[in-house]
């Protein structure tokens, strides 16, 4: 195990926020949800998004800002508290109560309008701080065959 002195603090500044879509955290049915990722005009001009409209999908990194620090998980738990699923470590699941409260989501890019990215299927709620946006490129997807346990497939059946 690494000692704390070997880890440097990392500070991230939001580049924008999620506008619209859902205003409450719900675990499923994100596929039809439309929202806007609005870049901070004090940091960026529209040229920061030049060429992004040529991509169909984005990867959005955001902060689960509504998770209280005391709710952060660092060990094993049943995903979504469902005891029908095995206890697995926090890094073997994608729950929001993660140590750094970071979320990563792939969503469809519908349009770019100034500093606004109109998206569909982003699983972040209204007001969520956005830390980074990347175009999704197929070559960054998994290489080769992927696998996952059955409980993960069960969770994701209704997610999108």
Protein backbone atom coordinates (compact mmCIF):
# COMPACT_ATOMS: atom_id res chain seq x y z
CA UNK A 1 0.00 0.00 0.00
CA UNK A 2 1.29 3.47 -0.87
CA UNK A 3 1.93 5.92 1.91
CA UNK A 4 0.08 9.22 1.78
CA UNK A 5 3.34 11.12 1.27
CA UNK A 6 3.80 9.47 -2.15
CA UNK A 7 0.50 10.79 -3.47
CA UNK A 8 0.23 14.39 -4.57
CA UNK A 9 -3.02 16.28 -4.23
CA UNK A 10 -4.85 16.83 -7.51
CA UNK A 11 -7.15 19.80 -7.87
CA UNK A 12 -9.64 20.04 -10.73
CA UNK A 13 -11.59 23.10 -11.72
CA UNK A 14 -14.95 22.59 -13.45
CA UNK A 15 -15.00 23.60 -17.11
CA UNK A 16 -18.77 23.88 -17.14
CA UNK A 17 -22.02 22.46 -15.81
CA UNK A 18 -24.88 20.23 -16.85
CA UNK A 19 -27.99 22.25 -17.59
CA UNK A 20 -31.40 20.62 -17.68
CA UNK A 21 -32.19 16.96 -17.98
CA UNK A 22 -33.01 15.39 -14.64
CA UNK A 23 -32.87 17.31 -11.40
CA UNK A 24 -32.88 14.26 -9.14
CA UNK A 25 -30.56 11.26 -9.03
CA UNK A 26 -32.28 8.15 -10.40
CA UNK A 27 -30.37 4.98 -11.24
CA UNK A 28 -32.09 3.91 -14.48
CA UNK A 29 -33.61 5.03 -17.79
CA UNK A 30 -31.00 7.59 -18.86
CA UNK A 31 -31.18 6.79 -22.58
CA UNK A 32 -33.81 9.36 -23.52
CA UNK A 33 -32.66 12.11 -21.16
CA UNK A 34 -31.56 15.26 -22.99
CA UNK A 35 -29.43 17.93 -21.37
CA UNK A 36 -26.90 20.63 -22.18
CA UNK A 37 -23.27 20.70 -21.14
CA UNK A 38 -22.52 24.41 -20.92
CA UNK A 39 -18.87 25.50 -20.86
CA UNK A 40 -17.84 28.32 -18.53
CA UNK A 41 -17.63 31.47 -20.67
CA UNK A 42 -15.03 32.98 -18.31
CA UNK A 43 -12.62 30.17 -19.29
CA UNK A 44 -13.57 29.33 -22.88
CA UNK A 45 -14.69 30.74 -26.17
CA UNK A 46 -16.60 28.81 -28.83
CA UNK A 47 -13.29 27.93 -30.52
CA UNK A 48 -12.66 25.43 -27.68
CA UNK A 49 -15.38 23.30 -29.29
CA UNK A 50 -14.29 23.74 -32.91
CA UNK A 51 -14.56 20.46 -34.79
CA UNK A 52 -16.38 18.64 -31.98
CA UNK A 53 -19.59 18.59 -34.01
CA UNK A 54 -17.98 16.03 -36.36
CA UNK A 55 -18.23 13.40 -33.60
CA UNK A 56 -21.39 11.45 -32.75
CA UNK A 57 -20.54 10.76 -29.10
CA UNK A 58 -18.69 12.32 -26.18
CA UNK A 59 -17.08 11.10 -23.00
CA UNK A 60 -17.91 13.46 -20.16
CA UNK A 61 -16.01 13.46 -16.86
CA UNK A 62 -17.94 15.01 -14.02
CA UNK A 63 -18.08 15.33 -10.25
CA UNK A 64 -20.76 13.60 -8.17
CA UNK A 65 -21.16 16.79 -6.16
CA UNK A 66 -24.35 15.65 -4.42
CA UNK A 67 -22.66 12.73 -2.66
CA UNK A 68 -21.78 13.80 0.90
CA UNK A 69 -18.19 13.04 1.94
CA UNK A 70 -19.44 10.80 4.76
CA UNK A 71 -21.19 8.57 2.17
CA UNK A 72 -17.99 7.77 0.26
CA UNK A 73 -17.27 4.03 0.03
CA UNK A 74 -13.75 2.61 0.04
CA UNK A 75 -14.29 -1.11 0.49
CA UNK A 76 -16.69 -3.80 -0.70
CA UNK A 77 -20.45 -3.51 -0.82
CA UNK A 78 -23.45 -4.96 -2.61
CA UNK A 79 -24.04 -2.87 -5.77
CA UNK A 80 -27.07 -0.62 -5.21
CA UNK A 81 -27.46 -2.30 -1.80
CA UNK A 82 -28.97 -5.37 -3.48
CA UNK A 83 -28.00 -8.45 -1.46
CA UNK A 84 -28.89 -10.67 -4.45
CA UNK A 85 -25.65 -9.38 -6.00
CA UNK A 86 -22.24 -10.20 -4.52
CA UNK A 87 -20.23 -7.81 -2.38
CA UNK A 88 -17.58 -6.30 -4.63
CA UNK A 89 -15.02 -3.56 -4.11
CA UNK A 90 -15.86 0.02 -4.98
CA UNK A 91 -13.46 -0.19 -7.94
CA UNK A 92 -15.34 -3.22 -9.32
CA UNK A 93 -18.50 -1.14 -9.76
CA UNK A 94 -19.48 2.25 -11.10
CA UNK A 95 -21.41 3.62 -8.12
CA UNK A 96 -21.45 7.34 -7.36
CA UNK A 97 -20.08 6.98 -3.81
CA UNK A 98 -16.53 6.60 -5.09
CA UNK A 99 -13.45 7.94 -3.27
CA UNK A 100 -13.02 10.96 -5.57
CA UNK A 101 -16.70 11.10 -6.61
CA UNK A 102 -15.80 11.12 -10.32
CA UNK A 103 -18.24 10.02 -12.98
CA UNK A 104 -17.47 9.16 -16.60
CA UNK A 105 -20.27 8.86 -19.11
CA UNK A 106 -20.55 8.34 -22.83
CA UNK A 107 -23.42 10.17 -24.46
CA UNK A 108 -24.69 11.14 -27.89
CA UNK A 109 -23.76 14.61 -29.10
CA UNK A 110 -26.86 16.12 -30.72
CA UNK A 111 -25.50 19.56 -31.55
CA UNK A 112 -23.02 22.28 -30.66
CA UNK A 113 -24.36 25.81 -30.16
CA UNK A 114 -21.79 28.35 -29.00
CA UNK A 115 -20.61 27.02 -25.63
CA UNK A 116 -23.54 24.61 -25.32
CA UNK A 117 -23.28 20.92 -26.11
CA UNK A 118 -26.72 19.37 -26.54
CA UNK A 119 -26.47 15.72 -25.50
CA UNK A 120 -28.62 12.65 -24.94
CA UNK A 121 -27.99 9.82 -22.50
CA UNK A 122 -25.66 11.70 -20.14
CA UNK A 123 -26.21 10.24 -16.67
CA UNK A 124 -25.55 13.44 -14.74
CA UNK A 125 -28.17 15.72 -13.20
CA UNK A 126 -28.87 19.42 -13.62
CA UNK A 127 -26.10 21.53 -12.07
CA UNK A 128 -23.45 18.78 -12.05
CA UNK A 129 -19.91 20.21 -12.42
CA UNK A 130 -18.22 18.99 -15.62
CA UNK A 131 -14.46 18.44 -15.36
CA UNK A 132 -13.60 17.37 -18.92
CA UNK A 133 -15.10 16.53 -22.29
CA UNK A 134 -13.50 14.24 -24.84
CA UNK A 135 -14.71 13.14 -28.25
CA UNK A 136 -15.45 9.43 -28.33
CA UNK A 137 -13.18 7.69 -30.82
CA UNK A 138 -13.81 4.02 -31.61
CA UNK A 139 -10.10 3.27 -31.33
CA UNK A 140 -10.18 4.23 -27.64
CA UNK A 141 -12.86 1.62 -27.01
CA UNK A 142 -11.90 -1.81 -25.72
CA UNK A 143 -9.60 -3.88 -27.91
CA UNK A 144 -10.61 -7.52 -28.16
CA UNK A 145 -13.40 -9.35 -26.39
CA UNK A 146 -14.84 -7.89 -23.22
CA UNK A 147 -16.42 -9.72 -20.28
CA UNK A 148 -18.33 -8.83 -17.15
CA UNK A 149 -20.16 -10.69 -14.37
CA UNK A 150 -23.89 -11.38 -14.62
CA UNK A 151 -24.81 -8.95 -11.86
CA UNK A 152 -23.32 -6.09 -13.92
CA UNK A 153 -25.45 -7.07 -16.90
CA UNK A 154 -28.51 -7.15 -14.60
CA UNK A 155 -27.79 -3.61 -13.37
CA UNK A 156 -27.34 -2.24 -16.87
CA UNK A 157 -30.52 -3.79 -18.40
CA UNK A 158 -32.56 -0.68 -17.59
CA UNK A 159 -29.79 1.89 -17.23
CA UNK A 160 -30.11 3.32 -20.73
